[in-house]
Amino acid sequence: MQDHEKHNGGQCAAPHCDHCSTDTGRRTPQRYCTPRCATRVRVASHRAQRDRS
């Protein structure tokens, strides 16, 4: 899974995504451009962990 460094905006943290993410001032900085990108990264991480077991 991606490291949890501060990400205040710029490029989406999802691999192979060229969209920009924006931090809308929430408590938790937004690392992804959409919830869909965030879910895609979480599912890929889960599947990789499951396959290693």
N, C-alpha and C. Protein backbone atom coordinates (compact mmCIF):
# COMPACT_ATOMS: atom_id res chain seq x y z
N MET A 1 0.84 -1.17 0.00
CA MET A 1 0.00 0.00 0.00
C MET A 1 0.89 1.24 0.00
N GLN A 2 0.35 2.34 -0.46
CA GLN A 2 1.10 3.58 -0.52
C GLN A 2 1.47 4.05 0.88
N ASP A 3 2.62 4.72 0.99
CA ASP A 3 2.97 5.29 2.29
C ASP A 3 2.06 6.48 2.58
N HIS A 4 1.92 6.79 3.84
CA HIS A 4 0.96 7.81 4.28
C HIS A 4 1.62 9.15 4.51
N GLU A 5 2.36 9.62 3.55
CA GLU A 5 2.98 10.94 3.68
C GLU A 5 1.95 12.02 3.36
N LYS A 6 2.21 13.22 3.82
CA LYS A 6 1.29 14.33 3.60
C LYS A 6 1.21 14.62 2.10
N HIS A 7 -0.01 14.81 1.64
CA HIS A 7 -0.26 15.03 0.21
C HIS A 7 -1.34 16.10 0.11
N ASN A 8 -0.97 17.35 -0.10
CA ASN A 8 -1.92 18.46 -0.09
C ASN A 8 -2.53 18.78 -1.44
N GLY A 9 -2.20 18.08 -2.43
CA GLY A 9 -2.73 18.35 -3.75
C GLY A 9 -1.71 17.98 -4.79
N GLY A 10 -2.10 18.09 -6.01
CA GLY A 10 -1.20 17.72 -7.09
C GLY A 10 -1.71 16.48 -7.77
N GLN A 11 -0.82 15.61 -8.17
CA GLN A 11 -1.20 14.40 -8.89
C GLN A 11 -1.78 13.36 -7.94
N CYS A 12 -2.77 12.64 -8.42
CA CYS A 12 -3.40 11.56 -7.67
C CYS A 12 -2.34 10.53 -7.27
N ALA A 13 -2.45 9.97 -6.05
CA ALA A 13 -1.46 9.01 -5.55
C ALA A 13 -1.65 7.61 -6.11
N ALA A 14 -2.72 7.37 -6.86
CA ALA A 14 -2.95 6.05 -7.45
C ALA A 14 -2.02 5.81 -8.63
N PRO A 15 -1.46 4.60 -8.72
CA PRO A 15 -0.61 4.30 -9.87
C PRO A 15 -1.41 4.38 -11.18
N HIS A 16 -0.81 4.83 -12.22
CA HIS A 16 -1.40 4.91 -13.56
C HIS A 16 -2.55 5.91 -13.65
N CYS A 17 -2.64 6.86 -12.73
CA CYS A 17 -3.68 7.90 -12.80
C CYS A 17 -2.98 9.24 -12.97
N ASP A 18 -3.36 9.97 -14.00
CA ASP A 18 -2.73 11.25 -14.30
C ASP A 18 -3.58 12.44 -13.86
N HIS A 19 -4.70 12.17 -13.19
CA HIS A 19 -5.58 13.25 -12.77
C HIS A 19 -5.00 14.00 -11.56
N CYS A 20 -5.48 15.19 -11.33
CA CYS A 20 -5.05 15.99 -10.19
C CYS A 20 -5.98 15.75 -9.01
N SER A 21 -5.40 15.73 -7.83
CA SER A 21 -6.20 15.66 -6.61
C SER A 21 -6.14 17.02 -5.94
N THR A 22 -7.19 17.37 -5.25
CA THR A 22 -7.21 18.64 -4.53
C THR A 22 -7.60 18.39 -3.09
N ASP A 23 -6.95 19.07 -2.19
CA ASP A 23 -7.27 18.97 -0.77
C ASP A 23 -8.33 20.03 -0.48
N THR A 24 -9.51 19.60 -0.08
CA THR A 24 -10.62 20.53 0.13
C THR A 24 -10.70 21.04 1.56
N GLY A 25 -9.63 20.90 2.32
CA GLY A 25 -9.60 21.43 3.67
C GLY A 25 -10.15 20.50 4.73
N ARG A 26 -10.34 19.24 4.40
CA ARG A 26 -10.80 18.26 5.39
C ARG A 26 -9.68 17.98 6.36
N ARG A 27 -10.02 17.33 7.45
CA ARG A 27 -8.99 16.96 8.43
C ARG A 27 -7.93 16.04 7.83
N THR A 28 -8.38 15.05 7.07
CA THR A 28 -7.47 14.11 6.44
C THR A 28 -7.13 14.60 5.04
N PRO A 29 -5.87 14.77 4.73
CA PRO A 29 -5.50 15.22 3.37
C PRO A 29 -5.97 14.23 2.32
N GLN A 30 -6.44 14.74 1.22
CA GLN A 30 -6.92 13.90 0.13
C GLN A 30 -5.75 13.53 -0.77
N ARG A 31 -5.53 12.22 -0.93
CA ARG A 31 -4.41 11.74 -1.74
C ARG A 31 -4.83 11.30 -3.13
N TYR A 32 -6.13 11.06 -3.31
CA TYR A 32 -6.63 10.53 -4.57
C TYR A 32 -7.60 11.52 -5.20
N CYS A 33 -7.74 11.44 -6.52
CA CYS A 33 -8.62 12.37 -7.24
C CYS A 33 -10.10 12.04 -7.01
N THR A 34 -10.41 10.76 -6.82
CA THR A 34 -11.80 10.34 -6.59
C THR A 34 -11.81 9.15 -5.63
N PRO A 35 -12.95 8.88 -5.01
CA PRO A 35 -13.05 7.67 -4.18
C PRO A 35 -12.80 6.40 -4.99
N ARG A 36 -13.11 6.44 -6.27
CA ARG A 36 -12.87 5.27 -7.13
C ARG A 36 -11.38 4.90 -7.18
N CYS A 37 -10.51 5.90 -7.31
CA CYS A 37 -9.06 5.63 -7.31
C CYS A 37 -8.62 5.06 -5.96
N ALA A 38 -9.12 5.62 -4.89
CA ALA A 38 -8.76 5.15 -3.55
C ALA A 38 -9.19 3.70 -3.37
N THR A 39 -10.38 3.37 -3.82
CA THR A 39 -10.89 2.00 -3.70
C THR A 39 -10.05 1.04 -4.53
N ARG A 40 -9.69 1.46 -5.74
CA ARG A 40 -8.87 0.62 -6.61
C ARG A 40 -7.54 0.27 -5.95
N VAL A 41 -6.92 1.24 -5.29
CA VAL A 41 -5.64 1.01 -4.60
C VAL A 41 -5.84 0.07 -3.41
N ARG A 42 -6.91 0.28 -2.63
CA ARG A 42 -7.17 -0.58 -1.47
C ARG A 42 -7.45 -2.01 -1.89
N VAL A 43 -8.24 -2.21 -2.94
CA VAL A 43 -8.55 -3.55 -3.42
C VAL A 43 -7.29 -4.25 -3.93
N ALA A 44 -6.46 -3.54 -4.67
CA ALA A 44 -5.21 -4.13 -5.16
C ALA A 44 -4.30 -4.53 -4.01
N SER A 45 -4.24 -3.70 -2.98
CA SER A 45 -3.42 -4.01 -1.81
C SER A 45 -3.95 -5.24 -1.08
N HIS A 46 -5.26 -5.29 -0.92
CA HIS A 46 -5.89 -6.44 -0.25
C HIS A 46 -5.63 -7.73 -1.02
N ARG A 47 -5.79 -7.68 -2.32
CA ARG A 47 -5.57 -8.88 -3.14
C ARG A 47 -4.12 -9.33 -3.10
N ALA A 48 -3.19 -8.37 -3.10
CA ALA A 48 -1.77 -8.72 -3.03
C ALA A 48 -1.44 -9.38 -1.69
N GLN A 49 -1.99 -8.87 -0.60
CA GLN A 49 -1.76 -9.46 0.72
C GLN A 49 -2.38 -10.86 0.79
N ARG A 50 -3.57 -11.00 0.25
CA ARG A 50 -4.27 -12.30 0.26
C ARG A 50 -3.48 -13.34 -0.53
N ASP A 51 -2.92 -12.92 -1.67
CA ASP A 51 -2.18 -13.85 -2.52
C ASP A 51 -0.85 -14.27 -1.90
N ARG A 52 -0.30 -13.43 -1.03
CA ARG A 52 0.97 -13.78 -0.35
C ARG A 52 0.76 -14.81 0.75
N SER A 53 -0.45 -14.90 1.27
CA SER A 53 -0.73 -15.82 2.38
C SER A 53 -0.90 -17.24 1.92
